[in-house]
C-alpha atoms as a PDB file:
ATOM      1  CA  UNK A   1     -68.629  25.016  22.850  1.00  0.00           C
ATOM      2  CA  UNK A   2     -70.116  21.507  22.841  1.00  0.00           C
ATOM      3  CA  UNK A   3     -68.857  18.101  22.631  1.00  0.00           C
ATOM      4  CA  UNK A   4     -68.719  18.268  18.957  1.00  0.00           C
ATOM      5  CA  UNK A   5     -66.482  21.463  19.105  1.00  0.00           C
ATOM      6  CA  UNK A   6     -64.236  20.009  21.443  1.00  0.00           C
ATOM      7  CA  UNK A   7     -63.689  16.789  19.474  1.00  0.00           C
ATOM      8  CA  UNK A   8     -63.111  19.023  16.136  1.00  0.00           C
ATOM      9  CA  UNK A   9     -60.406  20.923  18.050  1.00  0.00           C
ATOM     10  CA  UNK A  10     -58.720  17.783  19.301  1.00  0.00           C
ATOM     11  CA  UNK A  11     -58.844  16.516  15.770  1.00  0.00           C
ATOM     12  CA  UNK A  12     -57.238  19.522  14.389  1.00  0.00           C
ATOM     13  CA  UNK A  13     -54.350  19.667  17.081  1.00  0.00           C
ATOM     14  CA  UNK A  14     -53.777  16.065  16.675  1.00  0.00           C
ATOM     15  CA  UNK A  15     -53.451  16.341  12.839  1.00  0.00           C
ATOM     16  CA  UNK A  16     -51.360  19.346  13.073  1.00  0.00           C
ATOM     17  CA  UNK A  17     -49.091  17.707  15.477  1.00  0.00           C
ATOM     18  CA  UNK A  18     -48.870  14.593  13.078  1.00  0.00           C
ATOM     19  CA  UNK A  19     -48.089  16.730  10.162  1.00  0.00           C
ATOM     20  CA  UNK A  20     -45.378  18.680  11.991  1.00  0.00           C
ATOM     21  CA  UNK A  21     -43.850  15.437  13.310  1.00  0.00           C
ATOM     22  CA  UNK A  22     -43.783  13.787   9.943  1.00  0.00           C
ATOM     23  CA  UNK A  23     -42.226  17.041   8.382  1.00  0.00           C
ATOM     24  CA  UNK A  24     -39.531  17.182  11.086  1.00  0.00           C
ATOM     25  CA  UNK A  25     -38.795  13.315  10.654  1.00  0.00           C
ATOM     26  CA  UNK A  26     -38.558  13.652   6.778  1.00  0.00           C
ATOM     27  CA  UNK A  27     -36.271  16.689   7.060  1.00  0.00           C
ATOM     28  CA  UNK A  28     -34.074  15.080   9.697  1.00  0.00           C
ATOM     29  CA  UNK A  29     -33.673  11.975   7.583  1.00  0.00           C
ATOM     30  CA  UNK A  30     -32.916  13.983   4.441  1.00  0.00           C
ATOM     31  CA  UNK A  31     -30.181  15.799   6.508  1.00  0.00           C
ATOM     32  CA  UNK A  32     -28.796  12.473   7.514  1.00  0.00           C
ATOM     33  CA  UNK A  33     -28.955  11.164   3.852  1.00  0.00           C
ATOM     34  CA  UNK A  34     -27.167  14.316   2.698  1.00  0.00           C
ATOM     35  CA  UNK A  35     -24.235  13.898   5.333  1.00  0.00           C
ATOM     36  CA  UNK A  36     -23.916  10.096   4.440  1.00  0.00           C
ATOM     37  CA  UNK A  37     -23.804  10.995   0.791  1.00  0.00           C
ATOM     38  CA  UNK A  38     -21.246  13.740   1.313  1.00  0.00           C
ATOM     39  CA  UNK A  39     -19.089  11.319   3.393  1.00  0.00           C
ATOM     40  CA  UNK A  40     -19.222   8.650   0.727  1.00  0.00           C
ATOM     41  CA  UNK A  41     -18.307  11.153  -1.846  1.00  0.00           C
ATOM     42  CA  UNK A  42     -15.266  12.319   0.015  1.00  0.00           C
ATOM     43  CA  UNK A  43     -14.128   8.607   0.932  1.00  0.00           C
ATOM     44  CA  UNK A  44     -14.471   7.778  -2.747  1.00  0.00           C
ATOM     45  CA  UNK A  45     -12.549  10.877  -3.811  1.00  0.00           C
ATOM     46  CA  UNK A  46      -9.542  10.538  -1.464  1.00  0.00           C
ATOM     47  CA  UNK A  47      -9.452   6.598  -1.722  1.00  0.00           C
ATOM     48  CA  UNK A  48      -6.052   5.685  -2.901  1.00  0.00           C
ATOM     49  CA  UNK A  49      -6.155   3.551  -5.942  1.00  0.00           C
ATOM     50  CA  UNK A  50      -4.823   0.134  -5.543  1.00  0.00           C
ATOM     51  CA  UNK A  51      -2.002  -0.924  -7.814  1.00  0.00           C
ATOM     52  CA  UNK A  52      -0.184  -4.011  -8.354  1.00  0.00           C
ATOM     53  CA  UNK A  53       3.419  -4.138  -7.044  1.00  0.00           C
ATOM     54  CA  UNK A  54       5.901  -3.369  -9.880  1.00  0.00           C
ATOM     55  CA  UNK A  55       8.086  -6.419 -10.779  1.00  0.00           C
ATOM     56  CA  UNK A  56      11.501  -6.575  -9.168  1.00  0.00           C
ATOM     57  CA  UNK A  57      14.047  -5.067 -11.427  1.00  0.00           C
ATOM     58  CA  UNK A  58      15.864  -7.538 -13.807  1.00  0.00           C
ATOM     59  CA  UNK A  59      19.495  -8.358 -12.930  1.00  0.00           C
ATOM     60  CA  UNK A  60      21.841  -6.849 -15.573  1.00  0.00           C
ATOM     61  CA  UNK A  61      23.060  -9.639 -17.750  1.00  0.00           C
ATOM     62  CA  UNK A  62      26.806  -9.895 -17.315  1.00  0.00           C
ATOM     63  CA  UNK A  63      28.924 -11.730 -19.793  1.00  0.00           C
ATOM     64  CA  UNK A  64      29.790 -15.031 -18.057  1.00  0.00           C
ATOM     65  CA  UNK A  65      32.916 -15.830 -20.308  1.00  0.00           C
ATOM     66  CA  UNK A  66      34.574 -12.569 -19.314  1.00  0.00           C
ATOM     67  CA  UNK A  67      33.867 -13.049 -15.521  1.00  0.00           C
ATOM     68  CA  UNK A  68      35.165 -16.581 -15.700  1.00  0.00           C
ATOM     69  CA  UNK A  69      38.332 -15.501 -17.656  1.00  0.00           C
ATOM     70  CA  UNK A  70      39.019 -12.775 -15.145  1.00  0.00           C
ATOM     71  CA  UNK A  71      38.627 -15.247 -12.233  1.00  0.00           C
ATOM     72  CA  UNK A  72      40.956 -17.817 -13.902  1.00  0.00           C
ATOM     73  CA  UNK A  73      43.562 -14.953 -14.634  1.00  0.00           C
ATOM     74  CA  UNK A  74      43.310 -13.784 -11.006  1.00  0.00           C
ATOM     75  CA  UNK A  75      43.688 -17.204  -9.556  1.00  0.00           C
ATOM     76  CA  UNK A  76      46.558 -17.939 -11.814  1.00  0.00           C
ATOM     77  CA  UNK A  77      48.358 -14.672 -10.599  1.00  0.00           C
ATOM     78  CA  UNK A  78      47.660 -15.610  -6.975  1.00  0.00           C
ATOM     79  CA  UNK A  79      49.183 -19.073  -7.609  1.00  0.00           C
ATOM     80  CA  UNK A  80      52.225 -17.506  -9.231  1.00  0.00           C
ATOM     81  CA  UNK A  81      52.647 -15.140  -6.296  1.00  0.00           C
ATOM     82  CA  UNK A  82      52.350 -18.224  -3.807  1.00  0.00           C
ATOM     83  CA  UNK A  83      54.789 -20.321  -5.901  1.00  0.00           C
ATOM     84  CA  UNK A  84      57.349 -17.292  -5.781  1.00  0.00           C
ATOM     85  CA  UNK A  85      56.936 -17.056  -2.063  1.00  0.00           C
ATOM     86  CA  UNK A  86      55.444 -13.694  -2.024  1.00  0.00           C
ATOM     87  CA  UNK A  87      52.238 -14.946  -0.535  1.00  0.00           C
ATOM     88  CA  UNK A  88      51.914 -17.310   2.135  1.00  0.00           C
ATOM     89  CA  UNK A  89      49.577 -20.360   1.857  1.00  0.00           C
ATOM     90  CA  UNK A  90      46.935 -18.577   4.317  1.00  0.00           C
ATOM     91  CA  UNK A  91      47.131 -15.228   2.385  1.00  0.00           C
ATOM     92  CA  UNK A  92      46.710 -17.248  -0.901  1.00  0.00           C
ATOM     93  CA  UNK A  93      43.649 -19.098   0.471  1.00  0.00           C
ATOM     94  CA  UNK A  94      42.130 -15.666   1.825  1.00  0.00           C
ATOM     95  CA  UNK A  95      42.536 -13.997  -1.489  1.00  0.00           C
ATOM     96  CA  UNK A  96      41.228 -17.004  -3.468  1.00  0.00           C
ATOM     97  CA  UNK A  97      38.266 -16.941  -1.263  1.00  0.00           C
ATOM     98  CA  UNK A  98      37.639 -13.143  -1.743  1.00  0.00           C
ATOM     99  CA  UNK A  99      37.856 -13.650  -5.535  1.00  0.00           C
ATOM    100  CA  UNK A 100      35.350 -16.577  -5.548  1.00  0.00           C
ATOM    101  CA  UNK A 101      33.079 -14.715  -3.306  1.00  0.00           C
ATOM    102  CA  UNK A 102      32.903 -11.876  -5.939  1.00  0.00           C
ATOM    103  CA  UNK A 103      31.240 -14.164  -8.292  1.00  0.00           C
END
């Protein structure tokens, strides 16, 4: 085998090595891309949708006239009990504060 034969053999080996190396690189890149695609798909599937917080519940509308009438009636009764001597001034003030706090 002469010089030309040795150079031909070297060219064939080098070409084969390059082809194999390129094939391995492409296959590996394909696997990595497939894994990245699968991971992105799973993240997309399991991602919780973001919703706006619901508005706070509205307070029930209570009739103001009935509440104020009840309060006036309660304070009138407490005043009458104090005037009759059934309640002390301290007890009257405590009951009045409790009734006003209930607003």
